[in-house]
C-alpha atoms as a PDB file:
ATOM      1  CA  MET A   1      81.625  73.705 115.089  1.00  0.00           C
ATOM      2  CA  LEU A   2      82.958  76.802 116.851  1.00  0.00           C
ATOM      3  CA  THR A   3      86.357  75.128 117.284  1.00  0.00           C
ATOM      4  CA  SER A   4      86.444  74.267 113.564  1.00  0.00           C
ATOM      5  CA  TYR A   5      85.559  77.864 112.697  1.00  0.00           C
ATOM      6  CA  ARG A   6      88.312  79.219 114.967  1.00  0.00           C
ATOM      7  CA  LYS A   7      90.900  76.895 113.410  1.00  0.00           C
ATOM      8  CA  SER A   8      89.831  77.908 109.898  1.00  0.00           C
ATOM      9  CA  ALA A   9      89.859  81.598 110.782  1.00  0.00           C
ATOM     10  CA  GLY A  10      93.275  81.240 112.413  1.00  0.00           C
ATOM     11  CA  ALA A  11      94.687  79.408 109.386  1.00  0.00           C
ATOM     12  CA  LEU A  12      93.255  82.051 107.052  1.00  0.00           C
ATOM     13  CA  ALA A  13      94.734  84.883 109.144  1.00  0.00           C
ATOM     14  CA  LEU A  14      98.130  83.171 109.162  1.00  0.00           C
ATOM     15  CA  ALA A  15      98.033  82.589 105.401  1.00  0.00           C
ATOM     16  CA  MET A  16      97.065  86.205 104.752  1.00  0.00           C
ATOM     17  CA  SER A  17      99.840  87.549 106.981  1.00  0.00           C
ATOM     18  CA  VAL A  18     102.443  85.347 105.265  1.00  0.00           C
ATOM     19  CA  PHE A  19     101.166  86.507 101.876  1.00  0.00           C
ATOM     20  CA  ALA A  20     101.235  90.150 102.956  1.00  0.00           C
ATOM     21  CA  VAL A  21     104.787  89.876 104.307  1.00  0.00           C
ATOM     22  CA  SER A  22     106.133  88.034 101.261  1.00  0.00           C
ATOM     23  CA  GLY A  23     104.401  90.456  98.892  1.00  0.00           C
ATOM     24  CA  ALA A  24     105.794  93.445 100.749  1.00  0.00           C
ATOM     25  CA  LEU A  25     109.351  92.250 100.274  1.00  0.00           C
ATOM     26  CA  ALA A  26     109.186  92.010  96.475  1.00  0.00           C
ATOM     27  CA  GLU A  27     110.423  95.073  94.595  1.00  0.00           C
ATOM     28  CA  THR A  28     109.928  96.336  91.073  1.00  0.00           C
ATOM     29  CA  ARG A  29     113.017  97.715  89.365  1.00  0.00           C
ATOM     30  CA  ASN A  30     112.717  99.822  86.229  1.00  0.00           C
ATOM     31  CA  VAL A  31     115.329  99.773  83.483  1.00  0.00           C
ATOM     32  CA  LEU A  32     115.083 102.213  80.601  1.00  0.00           C
ATOM     33  CA  ILE A  33     116.333 101.122  77.215  1.00  0.00           C
ATOM     34  CA  VAL A  34     117.873 104.136  75.505  1.00  0.00           C
ATOM     35  CA  ASP A  35     119.874 104.273  72.296  1.00  0.00           C
ATOM     36  CA  GLY A  36     123.053 102.324  73.014  1.00  0.00           C
ATOM     37  CA  ALA A  37     122.576 101.714  76.752  1.00  0.00           C
ATOM     38  CA  TYR A  38     120.453 100.565  79.676  1.00  0.00           C
ATOM     39  CA  PHE A  39     119.666 102.976  82.495  1.00  0.00           C
ATOM     40  CA  PRO A  40     120.594 102.031  85.082  1.00  0.00           C
ATOM     41  CA  SER A  41     123.176  99.658  83.687  1.00  0.00           C
ATOM     42  CA  GLN A  42     123.062  97.616  86.923  1.00  0.00           C
ATOM     43  CA  SER A  43     120.027  96.839  89.076  1.00  0.00           C
ATOM     44  CA  HIS A  44     120.151  95.366  92.575  1.00  0.00           C
ATOM     45  CA  VAL A  45     117.517  92.638  92.919  1.00  0.00           C
ATOM     46  CA  GLN A  46     116.423  89.697  95.033  1.00  0.00           C
ATOM     47  CA  PRO A  47     114.506  86.574  93.997  1.00  0.00           C
ATOM     48  CA  GLY A  48     110.827  87.477  93.777  1.00  0.00           C
ATOM     49  CA  ASP A  49     111.537  90.960  92.410  1.00  0.00           C
ATOM     50  CA  GLN A  50     110.594  92.077  88.917  1.00  0.00           C
ATOM     51  CA  VAL A  51     112.577  94.122  86.427  1.00  0.00           C
ATOM     52  CA  ILE A  52     110.536  96.100  83.936  1.00  0.00           C
ATOM     53  CA  PHE A  53     112.416  97.024  80.772  1.00  0.00           C
ATOM     54  CA  THR A  54     110.849 100.033  79.017  1.00  0.00           C
ATOM     55  CA  ASN A  55     111.988 100.854  75.501  1.00  0.00           C
ATOM     56  CA  ASN A  56     112.728 104.574  75.151  1.00  0.00           C
ATOM     57  CA  ALA A  57     115.076 103.984  72.196  1.00  0.00           C
ATOM     58  CA  THR A  58     114.295 105.068  68.654  1.00  0.00           C
ATOM     59  CA  GLY A  59     113.691 101.511  67.436  1.00  0.00           C
ATOM     60  CA  SER A  60     112.492  98.078  68.466  1.00  0.00           C
ATOM     61  CA  HIS A  61     114.745  96.328  71.009  1.00  0.00           C
ATOM     62  CA  THR A  62     115.299  92.766  72.247  1.00  0.00           C
ATOM     63  CA  VAL A  63     116.785  91.929  75.660  1.00  0.00           C
ATOM     64  CA  THR A  64     118.331  88.487  76.200  1.00  0.00           C
ATOM     65  CA  GLY A  65     119.708  86.884  79.365  1.00  0.00           C
ATOM     66  CA  GLU A  66     123.217  85.429  79.382  1.00  0.00           C
ATOM     67  CA  GLY A  67     123.320  82.077  77.582  1.00  0.00           C
ATOM     68  CA  GLU A  68     119.899  82.867  76.121  1.00  0.00           C
ATOM     69  CA  ALA A  69     118.337  81.846  79.448  1.00  0.00           C
ATOM     70  CA  TRP A  70     115.440  84.197  78.633  1.00  0.00           C
ATOM     71  CA  THR A  71     114.488  86.679  75.938  1.00  0.00           C
ATOM     72  CA  SER A  72     112.023  89.507  75.735  1.00  0.00           C
ATOM     73  CA  GLY A  73     111.283  89.194  72.059  1.00  0.00           C
ATOM     74  CA  ALA A  74     110.960  92.466  70.180  1.00  0.00           C
ATOM     75  CA  ILE A  75     109.958  95.326  72.499  1.00  0.00           C
ATOM     76  CA  PRO A  76     108.447  98.141  70.425  1.00  0.00           C
ATOM     77  CA  VAL A  77     109.230 101.805  71.062  1.00  0.00           C
ATOM     78  CA  ASN A  78     107.438 102.820  74.298  1.00  0.00           C
ATOM     79  CA  GLY A  79     106.679  99.148  74.992  1.00  0.00           C
ATOM     80  CA  SER A  80     107.863  97.153  77.977  1.00  0.00           C
ATOM     81  CA  TYR A  81     108.859  93.669  79.099  1.00  0.00           C
ATOM     82  CA  THR A  82     108.639  92.316  82.661  1.00  0.00           C
ATOM     83  CA  LEU A  83     111.246  89.849  83.909  1.00  0.00           C
ATOM     84  CA  ASP A  84     110.470  87.851  87.067  1.00  0.00           C
ATOM     85  CA  ILE A  85     113.684  87.363  89.048  1.00  0.00           C
ATOM     86  CA  THR A  86     114.584  83.945  90.467  1.00  0.00           C
ATOM     87  CA  ALA A  87     117.776  82.747  92.140  1.00  0.00           C
ATOM     88  CA  GLU A  88     118.753  81.222  88.772  1.00  0.00           C
ATOM     89  CA  THR A  89     118.328  84.424  86.736  1.00  0.00           C
ATOM     90  CA  PRO A  90     121.629  85.190  84.939  1.00  0.00           C
ATOM     91  CA  THR A  91     123.377  88.321  86.197  1.00  0.00           C
ATOM     92  CA  SER A  92     124.004  89.787  82.762  1.00  0.00           C
ATOM     93  CA  PHE A  93     121.813  90.554  79.800  1.00  0.00           C
ATOM     94  CA  SER A  94     122.383  92.095  76.420  1.00  0.00           C
ATOM     95  CA  GLY A  95     120.405  93.522  73.588  1.00  0.00           C
ATOM     96  CA  GLN A  96     120.388  95.737  70.590  1.00  0.00           C
ATOM     97  CA  THR A  97     118.257  97.734  68.247  1.00  0.00           C
ATOM     98  CA  MET A  98     118.648  97.612  64.512  1.00  0.00           C
ATOM     99  CA  GLU A  99     120.771 100.792  64.600  1.00  0.00           C
ATOM    100  CA  GLU A 100     123.019 100.021  67.595  1.00  0.00           C
ATOM    101  CA  PRO A 101     125.695  97.416  68.365  1.00  0.00           C
ATOM    102  CA  VAL A 102     125.075  94.925  71.164  1.00  0.00           C
ATOM    103  CA  PHE A 103     125.306  96.433  74.650  1.00  0.00           C
ATOM    104  CA  GLU A 104     125.088  94.891  78.128  1.00  0.00           C
ATOM    105  CA  GLY A 105     123.380  95.422  81.442  1.00  0.00           C
ATOM    106  CA  PHE A 106     123.653  93.629  84.755  1.00  0.00           C
ATOM    107  CA  ILE A 107     121.700  92.563  87.802  1.00  0.00           C
ATOM    108  CA  SER A 108     123.255  92.031  91.198  1.00  0.00           C
ATOM    109  CA  PHE A 109     121.950  89.964  94.081  1.00  0.00           C
ATOM    110  CA  ASP A 110     124.173  92.010  96.442  1.00  0.00           C
ATOM    111  CA  VAL A 111     122.645  94.715  98.600  1.00  0.00           C
ATOM    112  CA  PRO A 112     123.672  98.120  97.216  1.00  0.00           C
ATOM    113  CA  VAL A 113     126.147 100.089  99.293  1.00  0.00           C
ATOM    114  CA  THR A 114     124.663 103.331 100.587  1.00  0.00           C
ATOM    115  CA  GLN A 115     126.540 106.122 102.279  1.00  0.00           C
END
């Protein structure tokens, strides 16, 4: 019984440490939707990350992945949409409000260059 308990406890500890490490690596990136643009216009991400689009424009806004791979639907003013990043997530997205022409934003799986 003690051996069974030790194995179970060891497996649980291993599972929790793997979960903690994998959860620590995921990042949340914020993209503001403003009239006529995304800020930042490019976000550096990795699979497992999330991008949260927050609409700070003056009207409702829809964000759509290249080839219509995903869409946010209408995001109301001050509303948000969360995109879960996978290795297959397209690297460009576009959107528009009723008042603005279509504009684009980008994600990059490259590590940003810092100086």
